[in-house]
Amino acid sequence: MSTDDTPSKSIVLELATNSVRNNTFAAAEDDPYFEVVTRFWHPNITKINKLDPNTAVMTTVCEIDKKEAKIRFLKQDEKEKYPQDSPIGLGEWLSIETMLKLAPEKPGGIFVDSDGVEYRWKTHNRNFQLIRCGDVGRLPIVLYYPCKRHFGVWRMSKHATLEIKPQIIKSLERLIASYLLVERQRRHHIF
């Protein structure tokens, strides 16, 4: 991904596994590269770490506490100040509902990015899409393509991917966190 504020083309993040607790989201050149980790000694805390391709340092950019239903992100002004994995750079815990309002009757919900713009996660042919609320064209901004398996049950022949349009790329941490939450909701039927 370029250093511009607004990239000119879509990126495709490949998911390494089919897990919402331990996974990686990576573009072809590993820029951006996110790691989702849930340690067995903290089974309720899921961390999203981001790799800096220049220094090869992983920084925790988000923590999700599923037991308490709260979330916190790395402060924007602290990103350069605390490049190491440090709780000093993480913001205050917020309720998950401030970022994502899950739909009670079906999988999905309303996602609010860092600028306050609302998007809606919805399913189309049982796969998630992210659509901007109020968009009359209903053009998806994020498309999820599921993994393919050999003969439907064996090893993966193709990994799952998220295709992300340029207008939401600057909110990748929040986008990945919201995807993990709606996918966990869909899998555990919390609606």
Protein backbone atom coordinates (compact mmCIF):
# COMPACT_ATOMS: atom_id res chain seq x y z
CA MET A 1 0.00 0.00 0.00
CA SER A 2 1.34 3.41 -0.84
CA THR A 3 2.01 6.10 1.74
CA ASP A 4 -0.78 8.33 0.34
CA ASP A 5 -3.80 9.01 2.51
CA THR A 6 -6.14 7.75 -0.21
CA PRO A 7 -4.92 4.75 -2.19
CA SER A 8 -6.07 4.65 -5.79
CA LYS A 9 -6.90 0.97 -6.10
CA SER A 10 -8.53 -1.82 -4.15
CA ILE A 11 -6.52 -4.19 -2.03
CA VAL A 12 -7.17 -7.86 -1.47
CA LEU A 13 -6.39 -9.29 1.96
CA GLU A 14 -5.96 -13.05 2.08
CA LEU A 15 -6.97 -14.87 5.26
CA ALA A 16 -4.55 -17.63 6.22
CA THR A 17 -7.00 -19.76 8.20
CA ASN A 18 -10.73 -20.08 8.76
CA SER A 19 -10.52 -18.89 12.39
CA VAL A 20 -11.83 -15.67 13.94
CA ARG A 21 -9.52 -16.09 16.95
CA ASN A 22 -6.12 -16.71 15.28
CA ASN A 23 -5.56 -15.61 11.72
CA THR A 24 -3.60 -13.33 9.41
CA PHE A 25 -4.91 -10.79 6.92
CA ALA A 26 -2.22 -10.05 4.33
CA ALA A 27 -1.94 -8.43 0.92
CA ALA A 28 0.28 -9.95 -1.76
CA GLU A 29 3.38 -7.97 -0.72
CA ASP A 30 2.55 -8.17 3.02
CA ASP A 31 1.73 -4.48 3.06
CA PRO A 32 -0.61 -4.30 4.91
CA TYR A 33 -0.19 -7.34 7.14
CA PHE A 34 -2.38 -7.94 10.19
CA GLU A 35 -2.19 -10.77 12.70
CA VAL A 36 -5.17 -11.77 14.84
CA VAL A 37 -4.09 -13.54 18.03
CA THR A 38 -5.99 -14.98 20.98
CA ARG A 39 -3.59 -16.49 23.53
CA PHE A 40 -4.70 -19.49 25.55
CA TRP A 41 -3.75 -17.73 28.81
CA HIS A 42 -6.13 -14.84 27.87
CA PRO A 43 -8.94 -16.64 26.02
CA ASN A 44 -11.28 -13.61 26.13
CA ILE A 45 -8.82 -11.05 24.69
CA THR A 46 -8.21 -11.01 20.95
CA LYS A 47 -5.42 -8.73 19.71
CA ILE A 48 -4.98 -7.35 16.22
CA ASN A 49 -1.31 -6.67 15.48
CA LYS A 50 -0.02 -4.76 12.45
CA LEU A 51 3.36 -5.32 10.83
CA ASP A 52 5.42 -2.28 9.88
CA PRO A 53 7.09 -3.43 6.61
CA ASN A 54 10.01 -1.02 7.01
CA THR A 55 11.09 -2.02 10.51
CA ALA A 56 9.51 -5.52 10.77
CA VAL A 57 7.95 -4.55 14.12
CA MET A 58 4.52 -5.82 15.12
CA THR A 59 2.36 -3.26 16.92
CA THR A 60 -0.90 -4.00 18.69
CA VAL A 61 -3.49 -1.76 17.04
CA CYS A 62 -6.65 -3.22 18.60
CA GLU A 63 -7.80 -5.37 21.49
CA ILE A 64 -11.23 -7.00 21.71
CA ASP A 65 -12.54 -8.31 25.03
CA LYS A 66 -15.36 -10.63 24.06
CA LYS A 67 -16.37 -11.44 27.64
CA GLU A 68 -16.92 -7.80 28.61
CA ALA A 69 -18.04 -6.76 25.06
CA LYS A 70 -15.52 -3.95 24.84
CA ILE A 71 -12.84 -2.85 22.40
CA ARG A 72 -9.92 -0.41 22.25
CA PHE A 73 -7.68 0.89 19.48
CA LEU A 74 -4.22 2.37 19.22
CA LYS A 75 -4.43 6.13 19.56
CA GLN A 76 -3.74 7.87 16.24
CA ASP A 77 -1.28 10.33 17.81
CA GLU A 78 0.59 7.51 19.59
CA LYS A 79 1.40 5.34 16.53
CA GLU A 80 4.88 6.79 16.02
CA LYS A 81 5.53 7.39 19.71
CA TYR A 82 5.08 3.77 20.86
CA PRO A 83 5.94 1.39 18.02
CA GLN A 84 6.44 -1.56 20.38
CA ASP A 85 3.58 -3.65 21.73
CA SER A 86 2.72 -1.44 24.68
CA PRO A 87 -0.57 -0.78 26.49
CA ILE A 88 0.51 2.86 26.85
CA GLY A 89 -0.38 3.54 23.19
CA LEU A 90 -3.81 1.91 23.37
CA GLY A 91 -6.85 4.06 24.01
CA GLU A 92 -9.62 3.67 26.53
CA TRP A 93 -11.91 0.66 26.50
CA LEU A 94 -15.15 1.35 24.64
CA SER A 95 -18.33 -0.63 24.37
CA ILE A 96 -18.45 -2.63 21.14
CA GLU A 97 -21.80 -0.97 20.35
CA THR A 98 -20.03 2.39 19.81
CA MET A 99 -18.30 0.92 16.74
CA LEU A 100 -20.62 -1.90 15.69
CA LYS A 101 -24.35 -2.28 16.23
CA LEU A 102 -25.10 -5.96 15.61
CA ALA A 103 -28.41 -6.79 13.96
CA PRO A 104 -30.56 -8.80 16.38
CA GLU A 105 -32.48 -10.85 13.80
CA LYS A 106 -29.83 -11.73 11.20
CA PRO A 107 -26.05 -11.75 10.74
CA GLY A 108 -24.45 -8.38 10.19
CA GLY A 109 -24.81 -4.93 11.63
CA ILE A 110 -23.99 -1.23 11.33
CA PHE A 111 -20.25 -0.42 11.39
CA VAL A 112 -19.01 3.12 12.15
CA ASP A 113 -15.51 3.99 10.87
CA SER A 114 -13.03 6.39 12.49
CA ASP A 115 -14.61 9.38 10.67
CA GLY A 116 -18.13 8.57 11.89
CA VAL A 117 -19.34 7.27 8.52
CA GLU A 118 -21.82 4.40 8.83
CA TYR A 119 -21.61 1.20 6.80
CA ARG A 120 -23.75 -1.93 6.96
CA TRP A 121 -22.45 -5.50 7.01
CA LYS A 122 -24.96 -7.71 5.23
CA THR A 123 -24.99 -11.14 3.70
CA HIS A 124 -25.45 -11.80 0.01
CA ASN A 125 -25.49 -15.48 -1.01
CA ARG A 126 -24.35 -16.25 2.58
CA ASN A 127 -21.18 -14.13 2.17
CA PHE A 128 -20.58 -10.81 3.89
CA GLN A 129 -20.53 -7.47 2.08
CA LEU A 130 -20.01 -3.99 3.47
CA ILE A 131 -22.24 -1.27 2.01
CA ARG A 132 -22.29 2.41 2.89
CA CYS A 133 -25.54 3.38 4.62
CA GLY A 134 -27.65 5.66 2.46
CA ASP A 135 -25.94 4.60 -0.79
CA VAL A 136 -28.71 4.34 -3.37
CA GLY A 137 -26.57 2.22 -5.69
CA ARG A 138 -25.87 -0.28 -2.88
CA LEU A 139 -22.40 -0.94 -4.27
CA PRO A 140 -20.32 -3.07 -1.90
CA ILE A 141 -17.19 -1.46 -0.49
CA VAL A 142 -15.86 -4.71 0.99
CA LEU A 143 -16.52 -8.15 -0.46
CA TYR A 144 -15.76 -11.41 1.32
CA TYR A 145 -14.93 -14.46 -0.80
CA PRO A 146 -14.93 -17.73 1.20
CA CYS A 147 -12.23 -20.36 1.01
CA LYS A 148 -12.46 -23.25 -1.42
CA ARG A 149 -11.62 -26.80 -0.41
CA HIS A 150 -10.59 -29.84 -2.39
CA PHE A 151 -13.78 -31.90 -2.82
CA GLY A 152 -15.50 -29.59 -0.35
CA VAL A 153 -13.92 -31.05 2.80
CA TRP A 154 -10.17 -31.51 2.40
CA ARG A 155 -7.35 -28.97 2.52
CA MET A 156 -7.91 -25.48 1.21
CA SER A 157 -7.38 -25.07 -2.50
CA LYS A 158 -7.96 -21.31 -2.24
CA HIS A 159 -7.84 -19.10 0.86
CA ALA A 160 -10.65 -16.74 1.82
CA THR A 161 -10.16 -13.09 0.84
CA LEU A 162 -11.51 -9.63 1.63
CA GLU A 163 -11.56 -7.25 -1.33
CA ILE A 164 -11.46 -3.70 0.04
CA LYS A 165 -12.25 -0.59 -2.03
CA PRO A 166 -10.05 2.54 -1.62
CA GLN A 167 -12.59 4.69 0.26
CA ILE A 168 -12.35 2.60 3.46
CA ILE A 169 -8.69 1.54 3.42
CA LYS A 170 -7.67 4.18 5.99
CA SER A 171 -9.88 2.44 8.60
CA LEU A 172 -8.43 -1.06 8.16
CA GLU A 173 -7.99 -1.78 11.87
CA ARG A 174 -11.63 -0.96 12.60
CA LEU A 175 -12.78 -2.79 9.49
CA ILE A 176 -10.96 -6.01 10.44
CA ALA A 177 -12.25 -5.78 14.03
CA SER A 178 -15.82 -5.32 12.79
CA TYR A 179 -15.45 -8.23 10.36
CA LEU A 180 -14.22 -10.50 13.18
CA LEU A 181 -17.19 -9.49 15.35
CA VAL A 182 -19.88 -10.02 12.68
CA GLU A 183 -18.30 -13.32 11.59
CA ARG A 184 -18.22 -14.53 15.21
CA GLN A 185 -21.87 -13.47 15.53
CA ARG A 186 -22.77 -15.42 12.36
CA ARG A 187 -20.90 -18.55 13.45
CA HIS A 188 -22.29 -18.62 16.97
CA HIS A 189 -25.81 -17.47 15.99
CA ILE A 190 -25.84 -14.60 18.46
CA PHE A 191 -28.91 -13.04 16.86
